[in-house]
Amino acid sequence: MGIFSRSKKKYATISVDRSVKTKPKQEKISGLWVKCPSCNEILYKSDIENNLKKCTNCDHYFVMSSKERIDLLIDQGTFVEYDKDMISVDPLGFPGYAERYVQTQEKVGMKDGVLSGTGTMNGIAVSIAVMEFNFLGGSMGSVVGEKITRAIERGIDENLPVIVVSTSGGARMHEGILSLMQMAKTSAALERLRGKGLPFISIPVNPTTGGVTASFAMLGDVNISEPDALIGFAGPRVIEQTIKQKLPEGFQKSEFLLKYGMLDVVAKREELKDTVARILGNLL
């Protein structure tokens, strides 16, 4: 057979192990009731909200909005929001993106997928950015990258420590290479912050995946997460199919990452603010 002969087999195939769960359980929230995806208990929505978005039966952690995160971490009445009206201009003209973008803005009540500003944490002044998973799956587009970069630069200009709470499905495919560029931009800004001797606390929470994990989410001087949070680059199913091996129990969960050095602290939600403030007090 000549070296330029065409192979009869035109396509590669990947076998799928149907025993591997491909979709996580969804949190079903409707009206007054919440069904816990962990214990299947039916609970009052108000009880969950009054319990720091945790199941009152099994302590499952529900996803918090960016505003709820700010209320959790920042002293009451001290948060000042910046870059509130920054929006994407749909740089690629991606089909359907403009319409979905506007619909998401109306549904979530935000212009894009991150809330940023300054405030105090147990009296310590900080620059903070919190990603919003309900905004297109927390995907990192040009606006998300720019607002996080500005939050870091605000820390540099005002001599403040920087905190970023990450939750994301990865890069926003609707913006192509411009989305991927945010990985380099945010990382470069963090290097400037480090050069000034200011601390960066990264708080990746459930879920944090893709390009966000591969850039600023894992570049903290201290990386902190919550219990049972999914943190990784590619999903477990994709990894198993690629390496043809069964992954260890708890792979990509926060406790697993803590054990193997990818995280420094796993803190309960009710202890997260005090834990971060105590670390900042030791670093400043």
C-alpha atoms as a PDB file:
ATOM      1  CA  MET A   1       0.000   0.000   0.000  1.00  0.00           C
ATOM      2  CA  GLY A   2       1.369   3.425  -0.944  1.00  0.00           C
ATOM      3  CA  ILE A   3       2.012   5.941   1.790  1.00  0.00           C
ATOM      4  CA  PHE A   4      -0.619   8.265   0.287  1.00  0.00           C
ATOM      5  CA  SER A   5      -3.322   5.585  -0.036  1.00  0.00           C
ATOM      6  CA  ARG A   6      -6.601   6.399   1.640  1.00  0.00           C
ATOM      7  CA  SER A   7      -7.599   4.217   4.555  1.00  0.00           C
ATOM      8  CA  LYS A   8     -10.884   2.368   4.251  1.00  0.00           C
ATOM      9  CA  LYS A   9     -11.866   3.497   7.743  1.00  0.00           C
ATOM     10  CA  LYS A  10     -12.928   7.108   7.471  1.00  0.00           C
ATOM     11  CA  TYR A  11     -14.178   7.833  10.942  1.00  0.00           C
ATOM     12  CA  ALA A  12     -12.963   7.165  14.465  1.00  0.00           C
ATOM     13  CA  THR A  13     -15.485   5.915  16.981  1.00  0.00           C
ATOM     14  CA  ILE A  14     -15.575   6.369  20.730  1.00  0.00           C
ATOM     15  CA  SER A  15     -17.411   3.851  22.853  1.00  0.00           C
ATOM     16  CA  VAL A  16     -19.612   5.245  25.593  1.00  0.00           C
ATOM     17  CA  ASP A  17     -19.957   3.514  28.937  1.00  0.00           C
ATOM     18  CA  ARG A  18     -23.657   3.845  29.689  1.00  0.00           C
ATOM     19  CA  SER A  19     -23.038   3.044  33.325  1.00  0.00           C
ATOM     20  CA  VAL A  20     -21.322   6.419  33.728  1.00  0.00           C
ATOM     21  CA  LYS A  21     -23.748   9.173  34.612  1.00  0.00           C
ATOM     22  CA  THR A  22     -23.554  11.841  31.930  1.00  0.00           C
ATOM     23  CA  LYS A  23     -25.744  14.487  33.524  1.00  0.00           C
ATOM     24  CA  PRO A  24     -25.713  15.804  37.075  1.00  0.00           C
ATOM     25  CA  LYS A  25     -28.965  15.872  38.999  1.00  0.00           C
ATOM     26  CA  GLN A  26     -30.773  19.154  38.467  1.00  0.00           C
ATOM     27  CA  GLU A  27     -31.930  21.396  41.276  1.00  0.00           C
ATOM     28  CA  LYS A  28     -35.689  21.699  40.769  1.00  0.00           C
ATOM     29  CA  ILE A  29     -37.001  24.943  42.206  1.00  0.00           C
ATOM     30  CA  SER A  30     -40.641  25.805  41.583  1.00  0.00           C
ATOM     31  CA  GLY A  31     -42.852  28.236  43.452  1.00  0.00           C
ATOM     32  CA  LEU A  32     -42.738  27.613  47.181  1.00  0.00           C
ATOM     33  CA  TRP A  33     -41.007  24.243  46.992  1.00  0.00           C
ATOM     34  CA  VAL A  34     -37.491  22.941  46.417  1.00  0.00           C
ATOM     35  CA  LYS A  35     -36.529  19.341  45.654  1.00  0.00           C
ATOM     36  CA  CYS A  36     -33.059  18.535  46.930  1.00  0.00           C
ATOM     37  CA  PRO A  37     -31.066  16.694  44.221  1.00  0.00           C
ATOM     38  CA  SER A  38     -29.055  14.871  46.876  1.00  0.00           C
ATOM     39  CA  CYS A  39     -31.660  13.473  49.293  1.00  0.00           C
ATOM     40  CA  ASN A  40     -34.847  14.105  47.206  1.00  0.00           C
ATOM     41  CA  GLU A  41     -36.481  15.808  50.173  1.00  0.00           C
ATOM     42  CA  ILE A  42     -39.208  18.356  49.317  1.00  0.00           C
ATOM     43  CA  LEU A  43     -38.472  21.565  51.200  1.00  0.00           C
ATOM     44  CA  TYR A  44     -39.826  25.077  51.504  1.00  0.00           C
ATOM     45  CA  LYS A  45     -37.865  27.443  49.279  1.00  0.00           C
ATOM     46  CA  SER A  46     -37.824  30.007  52.082  1.00  0.00           C
ATOM     47  CA  ASP A  47     -36.190  27.472  54.433  1.00  0.00           C
ATOM     48  CA  ILE A  48     -33.379  26.935  51.906  1.00  0.00           C
ATOM     49  CA  GLU A  49     -32.854  30.663  51.438  1.00  0.00           C
ATOM     50  CA  ASN A  50     -32.738  31.232  55.189  1.00  0.00           C
ATOM     51  CA  ASN A  51     -30.165  28.444  55.556  1.00  0.00           C
ATOM     52  CA  LEU A  52     -27.491  29.957  53.264  1.00  0.00           C
ATOM     53  CA  LYS A  53     -28.932  28.009  50.270  1.00  0.00           C
ATOM     54  CA  LYS A  54     -28.255  24.655  51.943  1.00  0.00           C
ATOM     55  CA  CYS A  55     -30.606  21.704  52.302  1.00  0.00           C
ATOM     56  CA  THR A  56     -32.022  21.624  55.823  1.00  0.00           C
ATOM     57  CA  ASN A  57     -32.137  17.815  55.681  1.00  0.00           C
ATOM     58  CA  CYS A  58     -28.789  16.683  54.208  1.00  0.00           C
ATOM     59  CA  ASP A  59     -26.743  19.917  54.001  1.00  0.00           C
ATOM     60  CA  HIS A  60     -26.531  19.813  50.168  1.00  0.00           C
ATOM     61  CA  TYR A  61     -25.165  23.090  48.795  1.00  0.00           C
ATOM     62  CA  PHE A  62     -27.467  24.790  46.284  1.00  0.00           C
ATOM     63  CA  VAL A  63     -26.013  27.271  43.803  1.00  0.00           C
ATOM     64  CA  MET A  64     -25.901  30.837  45.120  1.00  0.00           C
ATOM     65  CA  SER A  65     -26.389  33.861  42.889  1.00  0.00           C
ATOM     66  CA  SER A  66     -23.658  36.478  42.641  1.00  0.00           C
ATOM     67  CA  LYS A  67     -25.722  38.890  44.748  1.00  0.00           C
ATOM     68  CA  GLU A  68     -26.190  36.239  47.423  1.00  0.00           C
ATOM     69  CA  ARG A  69     -22.427  35.667  47.411  1.00  0.00           C
ATOM     70  CA  ILE A  70     -21.806  39.365  47.935  1.00  0.00           C
ATOM     71  CA  ASP A  71     -24.244  39.352  50.863  1.00  0.00           C
ATOM     72  CA  LEU A  72     -22.447  36.307  52.274  1.00  0.00           C
ATOM     73  CA  LEU A  73     -18.899  37.679  51.997  1.00  0.00           C
ATOM     74  CA  ILE A  74     -19.076  41.484  52.143  1.00  0.00           C
ATOM     75  CA  ASP A  75     -20.020  43.553  55.190  1.00  0.00           C
ATOM     76  CA  GLN A  76     -23.547  44.919  54.929  1.00  0.00           C
ATOM     77  CA  GLY A  77     -23.808  48.344  53.328  1.00  0.00           C
ATOM     78  CA  THR A  78     -20.172  48.517  52.180  1.00  0.00           C
ATOM     79  CA  PHE A  79     -20.365  47.063  48.651  1.00  0.00           C
ATOM     80  CA  VAL A  80     -19.906  49.520  45.790  1.00  0.00           C
ATOM     81  CA  GLU A  81     -20.517  48.043  42.327  1.00  0.00           C
ATOM     82  CA  TYR A  82     -18.363  48.964  39.311  1.00  0.00           C
ATOM     83  CA  ASP A  83     -18.725  48.440  35.545  1.00  0.00           C
ATOM     84  CA  LYS A  84     -22.408  47.578  35.965  1.00  0.00           C
ATOM     85  CA  ASP A  85     -23.521  48.484  32.434  1.00  0.00           C
ATOM     86  CA  MET A  86     -20.752  46.778  30.461  1.00  0.00           C
ATOM     87  CA  ILE A  87     -22.226  44.505  27.755  1.00  0.00           C
ATOM     88  CA  SER A  88     -21.028  42.309  24.888  1.00  0.00           C
ATOM     89  CA  VAL A  89     -21.393  43.591  21.323  1.00  0.00           C
ATOM     90  CA  ASP A  90     -21.728  40.084  19.809  1.00  0.00           C
ATOM     91  CA  PRO A  91     -18.331  40.348  18.056  1.00  0.00           C
ATOM     92  CA  LEU A  92     -18.807  37.296  15.799  1.00  0.00           C
ATOM     93  CA  GLY A  93     -22.455  37.773  14.918  1.00  0.00           C
ATOM     94  CA  PHE A  94     -23.043  34.272  16.303  1.00  0.00           C
ATOM     95  CA  PRO A  95     -26.510  33.035  15.212  1.00  0.00           C
ATOM     96  CA  GLY A  96     -29.059  33.508  17.970  1.00  0.00           C
ATOM     97  CA  TYR A  97     -26.538  34.866  20.477  1.00  0.00           C
ATOM     98  CA  ALA A  98     -27.875  38.447  20.556  1.00  0.00           C
ATOM     99  CA  GLU A  99     -31.424  37.284  21.263  1.00  0.00           C
ATOM    100  CA  ARG A 100     -30.381  34.780  23.933  1.00  0.00           C
ATOM    101  CA  TYR A 101     -28.095  37.385  25.510  1.00  0.00           C
ATOM    102  CA  VAL A 102     -30.969  39.855  25.947  1.00  0.00           C
ATOM    103  CA  GLN A 103     -33.296  37.137  27.250  1.00  0.00           C
ATOM    104  CA  THR A 104     -30.706  36.108  29.833  1.00  0.00           C
ATOM    105  CA  GLN A 105     -30.205  39.721  30.927  1.00  0.00           C
ATOM    106  CA  GLU A 106     -33.933  40.056  31.557  1.00  0.00           C
ATOM    107  CA  LYS A 107     -34.166  36.712  33.363  1.00  0.00           C
ATOM    108  CA  VAL A 108     -31.138  37.162  35.628  1.00  0.00           C
ATOM    109  CA  GLY A 109     -31.316  40.942  36.108  1.00  0.00           C
ATOM    110  CA  MET A 110     -27.654  41.498  35.177  1.00  0.00           C
ATOM    111  CA  LYS A 111     -25.927  42.881  32.080  1.00  0.00           C
ATOM    112  CA  ASP A 112     -23.419  40.015  31.964  1.00  0.00           C
ATOM    113  CA  GLY A 113     -22.053  37.117  33.985  1.00  0.00           C
ATOM    114  CA  VAL A 114     -20.049  38.754  36.767  1.00  0.00           C
ATOM    115  CA  LEU A 115     -20.692  41.210  39.606  1.00  0.00           C
ATOM    116  CA  SER A 116     -17.679  43.284  40.663  1.00  0.00           C
ATOM    117  CA  GLY A 117     -16.835  46.129  43.008  1.00  0.00           C
ATOM    118  CA  THR A 118     -15.253  47.004  46.333  1.00  0.00           C
ATOM    119  CA  GLY A 119     -16.300  46.540  49.934  1.00  0.00           C
ATOM    120  CA  THR A 120     -15.074  45.371  53.304  1.00  0.00           C
ATOM    121  CA  MET A 121     -14.833  41.855  54.725  1.00  0.00           C
ATOM    122  CA  ASN A 122     -14.843  41.914  58.518  1.00  0.00           C
ATOM    123  CA  GLY A 123     -13.502  45.431  58.164  1.00  0.00           C
ATOM    124  CA  ILE A 124     -10.798  44.594  55.599  1.00  0.00           C
ATOM    125  CA  ALA A 125     -11.149  46.565  52.347  1.00  0.00           C
ATOM    126  CA  VAL A 126     -11.134  44.328  49.256  1.00  0.00           C
ATOM    127  CA  SER A 127     -11.734  44.367  45.512  1.00  0.00           C
ATOM    128  CA  ILE A 128     -14.066  41.521  44.610  1.00  0.00           C
ATOM    129  CA  ALA A 129     -15.594  39.889  41.521  1.00  0.00           C
ATOM    130  CA  VAL A 130     -18.254  37.155  41.692  1.00  0.00           C
ATOM    131  CA  MET A 131     -19.312  35.116  38.671  1.00  0.00           C
ATOM    132  CA  GLU A 132     -22.992  34.362  38.013  1.00  0.00           C
ATOM    133  CA  PHE A 133     -23.662  30.769  36.943  1.00  0.00           C
ATOM    134  CA  ASN A 134     -27.257  31.544  35.932  1.00  0.00           C
ATOM    135  CA  PHE A 135     -25.947  33.860  33.194  1.00  0.00           C
ATOM    136  CA  LEU A 136     -25.306  31.483  30.259  1.00  0.00           C
ATOM    137  CA  GLY A 137     -23.809  28.861  32.555  1.00  0.00           C
ATOM    138  CA  GLY A 138     -21.286  31.302  33.990  1.00  0.00           C
ATOM    139  CA  SER A 139     -19.483  31.247  30.643  1.00  0.00           C
ATOM    140  CA  MET A 140     -16.437  33.501  30.323  1.00  0.00           C
ATOM    141  CA  GLY A 141     -16.906  36.000  27.510  1.00  0.00           C
ATOM    142  CA  SER A 142     -15.095  39.245  26.803  1.00  0.00           C
ATOM    143  CA  VAL A 143     -17.147  41.210  29.347  1.00  0.00           C
ATOM    144  CA  VAL A 144     -16.551  38.680  32.126  1.00  0.00           C
ATOM    145  CA  GLY A 145     -12.814  38.724  31.441  1.00  0.00           C
ATOM    146  CA  GLU A 146     -12.707  42.511  31.259  1.00  0.00           C
ATOM    147  CA  LYS A 147     -14.632  43.040  34.495  1.00  0.00           C
ATOM    148  CA  ILE A 148     -12.465  40.556  36.391  1.00  0.00           C
ATOM    149  CA  THR A 149      -9.332  42.198  34.961  1.00  0.00           C
ATOM    150  CA  ARG A 150     -10.605  45.610  36.046  1.00  0.00           C
ATOM    151  CA  ALA A 151     -11.323  44.254  39.538  1.00  0.00           C
ATOM    152  CA  ILE A 152      -7.704  43.072  39.708  1.00  0.00           C
ATOM    153  CA  GLU A 153      -6.403  46.397  38.387  1.00  0.00           C
ATOM    154  CA  ARG A 154      -8.592  48.212  40.916  1.00  0.00           C
ATOM    155  CA  GLY A 155      -6.807  46.253  43.609  1.00  0.00           C
ATOM    156  CA  ILE A 156      -3.449  47.331  42.158  1.00  0.00           C
ATOM    157  CA  ASP A 157      -4.460  51.008  41.905  1.00  0.00           C
ATOM    158  CA  GLU A 158      -6.069  51.194  45.361  1.00  0.00           C
ATOM    159  CA  ASN A 159      -3.654  48.824  47.123  1.00  0.00           C
ATOM    160  CA  LEU A 160      -6.375  46.278  47.915  1.00  0.00           C
ATOM    161  CA  PRO A 161      -6.343  42.485  48.113  1.00  0.00           C
ATOM    162  CA  VAL A 162      -8.405  40.852  45.372  1.00  0.00           C
ATOM    163  CA  ILE A 163     -11.027  38.117  45.756  1.00  0.00           C
ATOM    164  CA  VAL A 164     -12.638  36.290  42.809  1.00  0.00           C
ATOM    165  CA  VAL A 165     -15.463  33.804  43.313  1.00  0.00           C
ATOM    166  CA  SER A 166     -15.585  31.559  40.234  1.00  0.00           C
ATOM    167  CA  THR A 167     -18.418  29.382  38.973  1.00  0.00           C
ATOM    168  CA  SER A 168     -18.438  28.590  35.282  1.00  0.00           C
ATOM    169  CA  GLY A 169     -18.881  26.068  32.515  1.00  0.00           C
ATOM    170  CA  GLY A 170     -15.841  27.525  30.728  1.00  0.00           C
ATOM    171  CA  ALA A 171     -15.252  29.829  27.762  1.00  0.00           C
ATOM    172  CA  ARG A 172     -18.252  31.365  25.986  1.00  0.00           C
ATOM    173  CA  MET A 173     -18.227  29.697  22.574  1.00  0.00           C
ATOM    174  CA  HIS A 174     -20.376  32.461  21.071  1.00  0.00           C
ATOM    175  CA  GLU A 175     -17.363  34.809  21.236  1.00  0.00           C
ATOM    176  CA  GLY A 176     -14.754  32.394  19.890  1.00  0.00           C
ATOM    177  CA  ILE A 177     -11.092  33.327  20.285  1.00  0.00           C
ATOM    178  CA  LEU A 178     -12.037  36.555  22.078  1.00  0.00           C
ATOM    179  CA  SER A 179     -13.313  34.436  24.949  1.00  0.00           C
ATOM    180  CA  LEU A 180     -10.119  32.379  25.096  1.00  0.00           C
ATOM    181  CA  MET A 181      -8.060  35.591  25.174  1.00  0.00           C
ATOM    182  CA  GLN A 182      -9.552  36.374  28.592  1.00  0.00           C
ATOM    183  CA  MET A 183      -7.501  33.534  30.084  1.00  0.00           C
ATOM    184  CA  ALA A 184      -4.271  35.321  29.196  1.00  0.00           C
ATOM    185  CA  LYS A 185      -5.575  38.787  30.073  1.00  0.00           C
ATOM    186  CA  THR A 186      -6.732  37.896  33.581  1.00  0.00           C
ATOM    187  CA  SER A 187      -3.581  35.868  34.261  1.00  0.00           C
ATOM    188  CA  ALA A 188      -1.374  38.779  33.184  1.00  0.00           C
ATOM    189  CA  ALA A 189      -3.275  41.136  35.485  1.00  0.00           C
ATOM    190  CA  LEU A 190      -2.763  38.731  38.390  1.00  0.00           C
ATOM    191  CA  GLU A 191       0.961  38.684  37.718  1.00  0.00           C
ATOM    192  CA  ARG A 192       1.000  42.488  38.043  1.00  0.00           C
ATOM    193  CA  LEU A 193      -0.949  42.180  41.306  1.00  0.00           C
ATOM    194  CA  ARG A 194       1.570  39.641  42.592  1.00  0.00           C
ATOM    195  CA  GLY A 195       4.424  41.944  41.583  1.00  0.00           C
ATOM    196  CA  LYS A 196       2.984  44.603  43.868  1.00  0.00           C
ATOM    197  CA  GLY A 197       2.880  42.166  46.780  1.00  0.00           C
ATOM    198  CA  LEU A 198      -0.930  42.142  47.111  1.00  0.00           C
ATOM    199  CA  PRO A 199      -2.763  38.903  47.901  1.00  0.00           C
ATOM    200  CA  PHE A 200      -5.203  37.191  45.566  1.00  0.00           C
ATOM    201  CA  ILE A 201      -7.750  34.829  47.117  1.00  0.00           C
ATOM    202  CA  SER A 202      -9.451  32.554  44.593  1.00  0.00           C
ATOM    203  CA  ILE A 203     -12.734  30.896  45.574  1.00  0.00           C
ATOM    204  CA  PRO A 204     -13.825  28.375  42.919  1.00  0.00           C
ATOM    205  CA  VAL A 205     -17.239  26.977  43.857  1.00  0.00           C
ATOM    206  CA  ASN A 206     -19.573  24.387  42.367  1.00  0.00           C
ATOM    207  CA  PRO A 207     -19.207  24.102  39.416  1.00  0.00           C
ATOM    208  CA  THR A 208     -15.975  25.609  38.064  1.00  0.00           C
ATOM    209  CA  THR A 209     -14.682  24.081  34.839  1.00  0.00           C
ATOM    210  CA  GLY A 210     -13.011  24.754  31.481  1.00  0.00           C
ATOM    211  CA  GLY A 211     -10.932  27.822  30.718  1.00  0.00           C
ATOM    212  CA  VAL A 212     -11.820  29.512  34.012  1.00  0.00           C
ATOM    213  CA  THR A 213     -10.200  26.651  35.939  1.00  0.00           C
ATOM    214  CA  ALA A 214      -7.275  26.747  33.508  1.00  0.00           C
ATOM    215  CA  SER A 215      -6.623  30.430  34.263  1.00  0.00           C
ATOM    216  CA  PHE A 216      -7.472  32.737  37.163  1.00  0.00           C
ATOM    217  CA  ALA A 217      -9.539  30.287  39.238  1.00  0.00           C
ATOM    218  CA  MET A 218      -6.458  28.247  40.210  1.00  0.00           C
ATOM    219  CA  LEU A 219      -3.930  31.087  40.437  1.00  0.00           C
ATOM    220  CA  GLY A 220      -4.749  32.256  43.937  1.00  0.00           C
ATOM    221  CA  ASP A 221      -2.100  32.779  46.568  1.00  0.00           C
ATOM    222  CA  VAL A 222      -4.663  30.794  48.520  1.00  0.00           C
ATOM    223  CA  ASN A 223      -7.334  28.686  46.769  1.00  0.00           C
ATOM    224  CA  ILE A 224     -10.475  28.092  48.841  1.00  0.00           C
ATOM    225  CA  SER A 225     -13.635  26.165  48.048  1.00  0.00           C
ATOM    226  CA  GLU A 226     -16.769  24.730  49.621  1.00  0.00           C
ATOM    227  CA  PRO A 227     -17.523  21.055  50.359  1.00  0.00           C
ATOM    228  CA  ASP A 228     -18.406  18.724  47.463  1.00  0.00           C
ATOM    229  CA  ALA A 229     -17.731  21.347  44.773  1.00  0.00           C
ATOM    230  CA  LEU A 230     -16.975  20.154  41.237  1.00  0.00           C
ATOM    231  CA  ILE A 231     -13.751  21.779  40.021  1.00  0.00           C
ATOM    232  CA  GLY A 232     -11.862  20.667  36.929  1.00  0.00           C
ATOM    233  CA  PHE A 233     -11.034  21.292  33.295  1.00  0.00           C
ATOM    234  CA  ALA A 234     -12.806  18.619  31.238  1.00  0.00           C
ATOM    235  CA  GLY A 235     -15.688  16.593  32.637  1.00  0.00           C
ATOM    236  CA  PRO A 236     -15.107  13.170  34.236  1.00  0.00           C
ATOM    237  CA  ARG A 237     -16.912  11.326  31.420  1.00  0.00           C
ATOM    238  CA  VAL A 238     -14.717  12.913  28.749  1.00  0.00           C
ATOM    239  CA  ILE A 239     -11.563  12.100  30.714  1.00  0.00           C
ATOM    240  CA  GLU A 240     -12.586   8.470  31.221  1.00  0.00           C
ATOM    241  CA  GLN A 241     -13.260   8.032  27.504  1.00  0.00           C
ATOM    242  CA  THR A 242      -9.921   9.626  26.632  1.00  0.00           C
ATOM    243  CA  ILE A 243      -7.626   7.720  29.000  1.00  0.00           C
ATOM    244  CA  LYS A 244      -9.710   4.501  28.961  1.00  0.00           C
ATOM    245  CA  GLN A 245      -9.478   4.205  32.736  1.00  0.00           C
ATOM    246  CA  LYS A 246     -11.903   4.412  35.622  1.00  0.00           C
ATOM    247  CA  LEU A 247     -11.414   7.588  37.636  1.00  0.00           C
ATOM    248  CA  PRO A 248     -10.889   7.406  41.414  1.00  0.00           C
ATOM    249  CA  GLU A 249     -13.773   8.011  43.791  1.00  0.00           C
ATOM    250  CA  GLY A 250     -14.489  11.701  44.346  1.00  0.00           C
ATOM    251  CA  PHE A 251     -12.351  12.786  41.379  1.00  0.00           C
ATOM    252  CA  GLN A 252     -12.597  16.579  40.736  1.00  0.00           C
ATOM    253  CA  LYS A 253     -14.501  17.202  43.959  1.00  0.00           C
ATOM    254  CA  SER A 254     -13.095  19.825  46.331  1.00  0.00           C
ATOM    255  CA  GLU A 255     -12.073  17.292  48.999  1.00  0.00           C
ATOM    256  CA  PHE A 256     -10.100  15.318  46.392  1.00  0.00           C
ATOM    257  CA  LEU A 257      -8.355  18.493  45.191  1.00  0.00           C
ATOM    258  CA  LEU A 258      -7.540  19.473  48.770  1.00  0.00           C
ATOM    259  CA  LYS A 259      -5.932  16.081  49.376  1.00  0.00           C
ATOM    260  CA  TYR A 260      -3.701  16.391  46.311  1.00  0.00           C
ATOM    261  CA  GLY A 261      -2.711  20.040  46.718  1.00  0.00           C
ATOM    262  CA  MET A 262      -4.874  21.848  44.162  1.00  0.00           C
ATOM    263  CA  LEU A 263      -6.826  23.570  46.933  1.00  0.00           C
ATOM    264  CA  ASP A 264      -5.530  24.985  50.197  1.00  0.00           C
ATOM    265  CA  VAL A 265      -8.770  25.137  52.196  1.00  0.00           C
ATOM    266  CA  VAL A 266     -12.263  23.651  52.016  1.00  0.00           C
ATOM    267  CA  ALA A 267     -14.541  25.717  54.239  1.00  0.00           C
ATOM    268  CA  LYS A 268     -18.205  25.347  55.099  1.00  0.00           C
ATOM    269  CA  ARG A 269     -20.363  28.085  53.626  1.00  0.00           C
ATOM    270  CA  GLU A 270     -21.192  29.595  57.019  1.00  0.00           C
ATOM    271  CA  GLU A 271     -17.463  29.769  57.828  1.00  0.00           C
ATOM    272  CA  LEU A 272     -16.265  31.050  54.444  1.00  0.00           C
ATOM    273  CA  LYS A 273     -16.261  34.789  55.211  1.00  0.00           C
ATOM    274  CA  ASP A 274     -14.415  34.445  58.511  1.00  0.00           C
ATOM    275  CA  THR A 275     -11.934  32.002  56.937  1.00  0.00           C
ATOM    276  CA  VAL A 276     -11.082  34.390  54.078  1.00  0.00           C
ATOM    277  CA  ALA A 277     -10.870  37.389  56.401  1.00  0.00           C
ATOM    278  CA  ARG A 278      -8.551  35.506  58.764  1.00  0.00           C
ATOM    279  CA  ILE A 279      -6.264  34.536  55.855  1.00  0.00           C
ATOM    280  CA  LEU A 280      -6.216  38.119  54.586  1.00  0.00           C
ATOM    281  CA  GLY A 281      -5.354  39.345  58.078  1.00  0.00           C
ATOM    282  CA  ASN A 282      -2.299  37.075  58.069  1.00  0.00           C
ATOM    283  CA  LEU A 283      -1.234  38.072  54.545  1.00  0.00           C
ATOM    284  CA  LEU A 284      -1.573  41.841  54.803  1.00  0.00           C
END
